Amino acid sequence: MRISELAARAGVPLPTVKYYLREGLLMPGRATSATQARYDDTHVRRLGLVRALAGQGLPLDRIKVVVALVEQPGDDLFAALGKAVAALPPYVDDPPDADHPRARALLERIGQSYDPRFAAVAQLERALVALESAGLTMSGRRIDVYDRHIRAIADLEVDMLPMNSRHETVEAAVLGTALYEPVLAAMRRLAHQHRAARAFAASPDRHPQNAGDTTTQETEAP
């Protein structure tokens, strides 16, 4: 297909496609003349990847990191996945040897093995600090329930990764992390609404802590 057909099929404006070509985010087509080239389904797929990442707010330099890892994941697939996930937000600029005491304590509680240099460790530390700043805590009960269900989600997602090629594995892992997380967040909020509607249906004005209930209430936010 010609570049105009590629743009139409991918749903990306032609000037944007040309920009991606100049920046190296989209691989060149097969040259048919000095000024013409042909493109195929691999280009459509790459545009879908770039568009999806850009839609999640990734800056150009981070998209380039992901694209480079998809093209050349290397022999260590585990390391490639770690680098790709590190290119996704939220971004934390902690040095590789930084200590993350809150994250470490939480991960040790649930018995989870981890690489302390993995970006998600610093992200977890930052999230726990934000909780403390707001006067909230992660109770043992909350940690244990989160852990149980998050591991089930992780097991499913890793089992569903395509293993036909390293390129497909890295691409699916990055896209899955970037695009399924908003789905999980939205479903969690909808579950809160559903659960609250059931809990307060009998008496909409009744607040659980003001209804004479003498049981101990957890004082964390939902």
C-alpha atoms as a PDB file:
ATOM      1  CA  MET A   1       0.000   0.000   0.000  1.00  0.00           C
ATOM      2  CA  ARG A   2       1.062   3.601  -0.524  1.00  0.00           C
ATOM      3  CA  ILE A   3       1.682   5.934   2.393  1.00  0.00           C
ATOM      4  CA  SER A   4      -1.690   7.633   1.947  1.00  0.00           C
ATOM      5  CA  GLU A   5      -3.399   4.230   2.139  1.00  0.00           C
ATOM      6  CA  LEU A   6      -1.345   3.359   5.203  1.00  0.00           C
ATOM      7  CA  ALA A   7      -2.451   6.547   6.950  1.00  0.00           C
ATOM      8  CA  ALA A   8      -6.109   5.906   6.094  1.00  0.00           C
ATOM      9  CA  ARG A   9      -5.990   2.287   7.221  1.00  0.00           C
ATOM     10  CA  ALA A  10      -4.238   3.101  10.505  1.00  0.00           C
ATOM     11  CA  GLY A  11      -6.459   6.092  11.203  1.00  0.00           C
ATOM     12  CA  VAL A  12      -3.459   8.382  11.578  1.00  0.00           C
ATOM     13  CA  PRO A  13      -3.171  11.744   9.748  1.00  0.00           C
ATOM     14  CA  LEU A  14      -0.732  11.620   6.842  1.00  0.00           C
ATOM     15  CA  PRO A  15       1.491  14.407   8.237  1.00  0.00           C
ATOM     16  CA  THR A  16       1.766  12.445  11.492  1.00  0.00           C
ATOM     17  CA  VAL A  17       2.792   9.290   9.622  1.00  0.00           C
ATOM     18  CA  LYS A  18       5.500  11.252   7.803  1.00  0.00           C
ATOM     19  CA  TYR A  19       6.651  12.713  11.120  1.00  0.00           C
ATOM     20  CA  TYR A  20       6.908   9.230  12.639  1.00  0.00           C
ATOM     21  CA  LEU A  21       8.985   8.161   9.633  1.00  0.00           C
ATOM     22  CA  ARG A  22      11.374  11.094  10.079  1.00  0.00           C
ATOM     23  CA  GLU A  23      11.739  10.396  13.799  1.00  0.00           C
ATOM     24  CA  GLY A  24      12.387   6.684  13.288  1.00  0.00           C
ATOM     25  CA  LEU A  25       9.231   5.570  15.120  1.00  0.00           C
ATOM     26  CA  LEU A  26       7.970   3.963  11.907  1.00  0.00           C
ATOM     27  CA  MET A  27      10.307   1.824   9.812  1.00  0.00           C
ATOM     28  CA  PRO A  28      10.795   2.847   6.174  1.00  0.00           C
ATOM     29  CA  GLY A  29       8.725   1.202   3.500  1.00  0.00           C
ATOM     30  CA  ARG A  30      10.067  -0.791   0.558  1.00  0.00           C
ATOM     31  CA  ALA A  31      11.347   1.741  -1.948  1.00  0.00           C
ATOM     32  CA  THR A  32       9.747   1.498  -5.405  1.00  0.00           C
ATOM     33  CA  SER A  33      11.273   4.702  -6.794  1.00  0.00           C
ATOM     34  CA  ALA A  34      13.271   7.695  -5.653  1.00  0.00           C
ATOM     35  CA  THR A  35      10.154   9.239  -4.110  1.00  0.00           C
ATOM     36  CA  GLN A  36       7.782   6.296  -3.570  1.00  0.00           C
ATOM     37  CA  ALA A  37       7.636   3.378  -1.137  1.00  0.00           C
ATOM     38  CA  ARG A  38       5.239   0.549  -0.351  1.00  0.00           C
ATOM     39  CA  TYR A  39       4.009  -0.373   3.114  1.00  0.00           C
ATOM     40  CA  ASP A  40       2.376  -3.468   4.595  1.00  0.00           C
ATOM     41  CA  ASP A  41       0.631  -4.818   7.699  1.00  0.00           C
ATOM     42  CA  THR A  42       3.772  -4.520   9.823  1.00  0.00           C
ATOM     43  CA  HIS A  43       3.622  -0.750   9.339  1.00  0.00           C
ATOM     44  CA  VAL A  44      -0.047  -0.689  10.297  1.00  0.00           C
ATOM     45  CA  ARG A  45       0.796  -2.633  13.443  1.00  0.00           C
ATOM     46  CA  ARG A  46       3.665  -0.296  14.326  1.00  0.00           C
ATOM     47  CA  LEU A  47       1.460   2.759  13.880  1.00  0.00           C
ATOM     48  CA  GLY A  48      -1.051   1.143  16.211  1.00  0.00           C
ATOM     49  CA  LEU A  49       1.659   0.663  18.832  1.00  0.00           C
ATOM     50  CA  VAL A  50       2.947   4.236  18.560  1.00  0.00           C
ATOM     51  CA  ARG A  51      -0.561   5.689  18.544  1.00  0.00           C
ATOM     52  CA  ALA A  52      -1.572   3.681  21.609  1.00  0.00           C
ATOM     53  CA  LEU A  53       1.499   4.769  23.573  1.00  0.00           C
ATOM     54  CA  ALA A  54       1.106   8.395  22.539  1.00  0.00           C
ATOM     55  CA  GLY A  55      -2.528   8.210  23.608  1.00  0.00           C
ATOM     56  CA  GLN A  56      -1.384   7.259  27.108  1.00  0.00           C
ATOM     57  CA  GLY A  57       0.694  10.414  27.320  1.00  0.00           C
ATOM     58  CA  LEU A  58       4.142   8.948  26.640  1.00  0.00           C
ATOM     59  CA  PRO A  59       6.619  11.555  25.382  1.00  0.00           C
ATOM     60  CA  LEU A  60       8.445  10.907  22.144  1.00  0.00           C
ATOM     61  CA  ASP A  61      11.723   9.855  23.756  1.00  0.00           C
ATOM     62  CA  ARG A  62       9.960   7.177  25.822  1.00  0.00           C
ATOM     63  CA  ILE A  63       8.081   5.855  22.795  1.00  0.00           C
ATOM     64  CA  LYS A  64      11.413   5.551  21.009  1.00  0.00           C
ATOM     65  CA  VAL A  65      12.729   3.398  23.866  1.00  0.00           C
ATOM     66  CA  VAL A  66       9.756   1.051  23.621  1.00  0.00           C
ATOM     67  CA  VAL A  67       9.957   0.846  19.827  1.00  0.00           C
ATOM     68  CA  ALA A  68      13.689   0.082  19.982  1.00  0.00           C
ATOM     69  CA  LEU A  69      13.079  -2.708  22.493  1.00  0.00           C
ATOM     70  CA  VAL A  70      10.298  -4.176  20.366  1.00  0.00           C
ATOM     71  CA  GLU A  71      12.636  -4.200  17.362  1.00  0.00           C
ATOM     72  CA  GLN A  72      15.686  -5.478  19.253  1.00  0.00           C
ATOM     73  CA  PRO A  73      14.621  -7.122  22.535  1.00  0.00           C
ATOM     74  CA  GLY A  74      17.976  -8.891  22.885  1.00  0.00           C
ATOM     75  CA  ASP A  75      18.664 -12.291  24.407  1.00  0.00           C
ATOM     76  CA  ASP A  76      17.507 -11.431  27.940  1.00  0.00           C
ATOM     77  CA  LEU A  77      13.747 -11.145  27.568  1.00  0.00           C
ATOM     78  CA  PHE A  78      13.252 -10.470  31.297  1.00  0.00           C
ATOM     79  CA  ALA A  79      15.612  -7.479  31.157  1.00  0.00           C
ATOM     80  CA  ALA A  80      13.969  -6.195  27.970  1.00  0.00           C
ATOM     81  CA  LEU A  81      10.540  -6.296  29.596  1.00  0.00           C
ATOM     82  CA  GLY A  82      11.891  -4.413  32.617  1.00  0.00           C
ATOM     83  CA  LYS A  83      13.334  -1.671  30.418  1.00  0.00           C
ATOM     84  CA  ALA A  84      10.123  -1.413  28.437  1.00  0.00           C
ATOM     85  CA  VAL A  85       7.959  -1.097  31.545  1.00  0.00           C
ATOM     86  CA  ALA A  86      10.377   1.536  32.897  1.00  0.00           C
ATOM     87  CA  ALA A  87       9.529   3.629  29.833  1.00  0.00           C
ATOM     88  CA  LEU A  88       5.883   3.798  30.948  1.00  0.00           C
ATOM     89  CA  PRO A  89       4.484   6.347  33.422  1.00  0.00           C
ATOM     90  CA  PRO A  90       4.525   7.222  36.244  1.00  0.00           C
ATOM     91  CA  TYR A  91       8.149   8.283  35.943  1.00  0.00           C
ATOM     92  CA  VAL A  92      10.447   8.222  38.955  1.00  0.00           C
ATOM     93  CA  ASP A  93      13.987   9.539  38.690  1.00  0.00           C
ATOM     94  CA  ASP A  94      15.420   7.743  41.725  1.00  0.00           C
ATOM     95  CA  PRO A  95      19.004   6.468  41.300  1.00  0.00           C
ATOM     96  CA  PRO A  96      19.353   2.683  40.748  1.00  0.00           C
ATOM     97  CA  ASP A  97      20.785   2.167  44.254  1.00  0.00           C
ATOM     98  CA  ALA A  98      18.103   4.209  46.062  1.00  0.00           C
ATOM     99  CA  ASP A  99      16.576   2.659  49.154  1.00  0.00           C
ATOM    100  CA  HIS A 100      12.810   2.143  49.118  1.00  0.00           C
ATOM    101  CA  PRO A 101      11.946   1.093  52.676  1.00  0.00           C
ATOM    102  CA  ARG A 102       8.151   1.195  52.371  1.00  0.00           C
ATOM    103  CA  ALA A 103       8.085  -0.774  49.141  1.00  0.00           C
ATOM    104  CA  ARG A 104      10.614  -3.245  50.512  1.00  0.00           C
ATOM    105  CA  ALA A 105       8.585  -3.848  53.666  1.00  0.00           C
ATOM    106  CA  LEU A 106       5.388  -4.409  51.685  1.00  0.00           C
ATOM    107  CA  LEU A 107       7.040  -6.816  49.241  1.00  0.00           C
ATOM    108  CA  GLU A 108       8.720  -8.720  52.046  1.00  0.00           C
ATOM    109  CA  ARG A 109       5.380  -9.074  53.840  1.00  0.00           C
ATOM    110  CA  ILE A 110       3.795 -10.774  50.822  1.00  0.00           C
ATOM    111  CA  GLY A 111       6.920 -12.838  50.111  1.00  0.00           C
ATOM    112  CA  GLN A 112       7.356 -11.546  46.599  1.00  0.00           C
ATOM    113  CA  SER A 113      10.721 -11.767  44.872  1.00  0.00           C
ATOM    114  CA  TYR A 114      11.748  -8.636  42.996  1.00  0.00           C
ATOM    115  CA  ASP A 115      14.650  -6.750  41.494  1.00  0.00           C
ATOM    116  CA  PRO A 116      15.182  -3.585  43.592  1.00  0.00           C
ATOM    117  CA  ARG A 117      16.273  -1.774  40.410  1.00  0.00           C
ATOM    118  CA  PHE A 118      12.943  -2.433  38.698  1.00  0.00           C
ATOM    119  CA  ALA A 119      11.098   0.842  38.051  1.00  0.00           C
ATOM    120  CA  ALA A 120       7.907  -0.408  39.699  1.00  0.00           C
ATOM    121  CA  VAL A 121       9.696  -0.606  43.079  1.00  0.00           C
ATOM    122  CA  ALA A 122      10.388   3.130  43.000  1.00  0.00           C
ATOM    123  CA  GLN A 123       6.838   3.711  41.743  1.00  0.00           C
ATOM    124  CA  LEU A 124       5.440   1.723  44.664  1.00  0.00           C
ATOM    125  CA  GLU A 125       7.584   3.658  47.130  1.00  0.00           C
ATOM    126  CA  ARG A 126       6.366   6.950  45.683  1.00  0.00           C
ATOM    127  CA  ALA A 127       2.738   5.796  45.916  1.00  0.00           C
ATOM    128  CA  LEU A 128       3.150   4.732  49.545  1.00  0.00           C
ATOM    129  CA  VAL A 129       4.752   8.068  50.419  1.00  0.00           C
ATOM    130  CA  ALA A 130       1.767   9.832  48.830  1.00  0.00           C
ATOM    131  CA  LEU A 131      -0.599   7.765  51.001  1.00  0.00           C
ATOM    132  CA  GLU A 132       1.278   8.747  54.141  1.00  0.00           C
ATOM    133  CA  SER A 133       1.226  12.397  53.123  1.00  0.00           C
ATOM    134  CA  ALA A 134      -2.564  12.210  52.896  1.00  0.00           C
ATOM    135  CA  GLY A 135      -2.816  10.577  56.320  1.00  0.00           C
ATOM    136  CA  LEU A 136      -3.701   7.151  54.906  1.00  0.00           C
ATOM    137  CA  THR A 137      -2.078   3.758  55.475  1.00  0.00           C
ATOM    138  CA  MET A 138      -1.870   0.337  53.894  1.00  0.00           C
ATOM    139  CA  SER A 139      -3.247  -2.026  56.527  1.00  0.00           C
ATOM    140  CA  GLY A 140      -2.143  -5.651  56.585  1.00  0.00           C
ATOM    141  CA  ARG A 141      -5.617  -6.717  55.539  1.00  0.00           C
ATOM    142  CA  ARG A 142      -5.595  -4.434  52.522  1.00  0.00           C
ATOM    143  CA  ILE A 143      -2.108  -5.548  51.485  1.00  0.00           C
ATOM    144  CA  ASP A 144      -3.023  -9.221  51.703  1.00  0.00           C
ATOM    145  CA  VAL A 145      -6.256  -8.849  49.726  1.00  0.00           C
ATOM    146  CA  TYR A 146      -4.608  -6.682  47.076  1.00  0.00           C
ATOM    147  CA  ASP A 147      -1.760  -9.174  46.786  1.00  0.00           C
ATOM    148  CA  ARG A 148      -4.051 -12.163  46.324  1.00  0.00           C
ATOM    149  CA  HIS A 149      -6.067 -10.608  43.539  1.00  0.00           C
ATOM    150  CA  ILE A 150      -3.197  -8.798  41.816  1.00  0.00           C
ATOM    151  CA  ARG A 151      -1.206 -12.018  41.610  1.00  0.00           C
ATOM    152  CA  ALA A 152      -4.185 -13.723  39.984  1.00  0.00           C
ATOM    153  CA  ILE A 153      -4.329 -10.926  37.404  1.00  0.00           C
ATOM    154  CA  ALA A 154      -0.572 -11.153  36.816  1.00  0.00           C
ATOM    155  CA  ASP A 155      -0.742 -14.943  36.408  1.00  0.00           C
ATOM    156  CA  LEU A 156      -3.458 -14.579  33.786  1.00  0.00           C
ATOM    157  CA  GLU A 157      -1.681 -11.841  31.867  1.00  0.00           C
ATOM    158  CA  VAL A 158       1.700 -13.593  31.783  1.00  0.00           C
ATOM    159  CA  ASP A 159       0.078 -16.855  30.721  1.00  0.00           C
ATOM    160  CA  MET A 160      -1.653 -15.025  27.858  1.00  0.00           C
ATOM    161  CA  LEU A 161       1.496 -13.394  26.473  1.00  0.00           C
ATOM    162  CA  PRO A 162       2.300 -14.522  22.925  1.00  0.00           C
ATOM    163  CA  MET A 163       5.532 -16.499  22.849  1.00  0.00           C
ATOM    164  CA  ASN A 164       5.960 -16.923  19.099  1.00  0.00           C
ATOM    165  CA  SER A 165       8.664 -14.268  18.990  1.00  0.00           C
ATOM    166  CA  ARG A 166      10.465 -11.949  21.389  1.00  0.00           C
ATOM    167  CA  HIS A 167       9.158  -8.970  19.444  1.00  0.00           C
ATOM    168  CA  GLU A 168       5.539 -10.000  19.996  1.00  0.00           C
ATOM    169  CA  THR A 169       6.151 -10.792  23.666  1.00  0.00           C
ATOM    170  CA  VAL A 170       7.699  -7.397  24.458  1.00  0.00           C
ATOM    171  CA  GLU A 171       5.083  -5.540  22.410  1.00  0.00           C
ATOM    172  CA  ALA A 172       2.181  -7.364  24.072  1.00  0.00           C
ATOM    173  CA  ALA A 173       3.630  -6.869  27.566  1.00  0.00           C
ATOM    174  CA  VAL A 174       4.128  -3.135  27.075  1.00  0.00           C
ATOM    175  CA  LEU A 175       0.768  -2.555  25.443  1.00  0.00           C
ATOM    176  CA  GLY A 176      -0.910  -4.701  28.066  1.00  0.00           C
ATOM    177  CA  THR A 177       0.641  -2.702  30.882  1.00  0.00           C
ATOM    178  CA  ALA A 178      -0.134   0.657  29.282  1.00  0.00           C
ATOM    179  CA  LEU A 179      -3.655  -0.073  28.049  1.00  0.00           C
ATOM    180  CA  TYR A 180      -5.129  -2.579  30.494  1.00  0.00           C
ATOM    181  CA  GLU A 181      -4.271  -0.547  33.609  1.00  0.00           C
ATOM    182  CA  PRO A 182      -6.870   2.147  32.764  1.00  0.00           C
ATOM    183  CA  VAL A 183      -9.415  -0.642  32.293  1.00  0.00           C
ATOM    184  CA  LEU A 184      -8.580  -2.047  35.732  1.00  0.00           C
ATOM    185  CA  ALA A 185      -8.851   1.405  37.338  1.00  0.00           C
ATOM    186  CA  ALA A 186     -12.233   2.080  35.717  1.00  0.00           C
ATOM    187  CA  MET A 187     -13.591  -1.352  36.674  1.00  0.00           C
ATOM    188  CA  ARG A 188     -12.431  -0.802  40.276  1.00  0.00           C
ATOM    189  CA  ARG A 189     -14.294   2.492  40.467  1.00  0.00           C
ATOM    190  CA  LEU A 190     -17.428   0.937  39.006  1.00  0.00           C
ATOM    191  CA  ALA A 191     -17.166  -1.915  41.515  1.00  0.00           C
ATOM    192  CA  HIS A 192     -17.004   0.681  44.303  1.00  0.00           C
ATOM    193  CA  GLN A 193     -20.196   2.249  42.971  1.00  0.00           C
ATOM    194  CA  HIS A 194     -21.923  -1.134  42.722  1.00  0.00           C
ATOM    195  CA  ARG A 195     -20.852  -2.159  46.210  1.00  0.00           C
ATOM    196  CA  ALA A 196     -21.840   1.209  47.720  1.00  0.00           C
ATOM    197  CA  ALA A 197     -25.263   1.050  46.084  1.00  0.00           C
ATOM    198  CA  ARG A 198     -25.878  -2.345  47.666  1.00  0.00           C
ATOM    199  CA  ALA A 199     -24.511  -1.304  51.066  1.00  0.00           C
ATOM    200  CA  PHE A 200     -26.536   1.900  51.326  1.00  0.00           C
ATOM    201  CA  ALA A 201     -29.692   0.849  49.465  1.00  0.00           C
ATOM    202  CA  ALA A 202     -31.756   0.259  52.619  1.00  0.00           C
ATOM    203  CA  SER A 203     -31.052   3.715  54.021  1.00  0.00           C
ATOM    204  CA  PRO A 204     -29.330   6.158  51.627  1.00  0.00           C
ATOM    205  CA  ASP A 205     -28.721   8.682  54.424  1.00  0.00           C
ATOM    206  CA  ARG A 206     -27.200   6.126  56.765  1.00  0.00           C
ATOM    207  CA  HIS A 207     -23.458   6.415  57.165  1.00  0.00           C
ATOM    208  CA  PRO A 208     -21.835   3.158  58.354  1.00  0.00           C
ATOM    209  CA  GLN A 209     -19.938   4.860  61.179  1.00  0.00           C
ATOM    210  CA  ASN A 210     -22.937   6.834  62.453  1.00  0.00           C
ATOM    211  CA  ALA A 211     -25.524   4.071  62.656  1.00  0.00           C
ATOM    212  CA  GLY A 212     -24.798   2.643  66.074  1.00  0.00           C
ATOM    213  CA  ASP A 213     -22.577  -0.084  64.697  1.00  0.00           C
ATOM    214  CA  THR A 214     -20.092  -0.920  67.431  1.00  0.00           C
ATOM    215  CA  THR A 215     -17.755  -2.959  65.204  1.00  0.00           C
ATOM    216  CA  THR A 216     -14.340  -1.536  64.461  1.00  0.00           C
ATOM    217  CA  GLN A 217     -14.184   0.256  61.145  1.00  0.00           C
ATOM    218  CA  GLU A 218     -11.066   0.469  59.012  1.00  0.00           C
ATOM    219  CA  THR A 219     -10.229   4.154  58.690  1.00  0.00           C
ATOM    220  CA  GLU A 220      -8.618   3.967  55.274  1.00  0.00           C
ATOM    221  CA  ALA A 221     -10.117   5.432  52.115  1.00  0.00           C
ATOM    222  CA  PRO A 222     -11.624   2.925  49.651  1.00  0.00           C
END
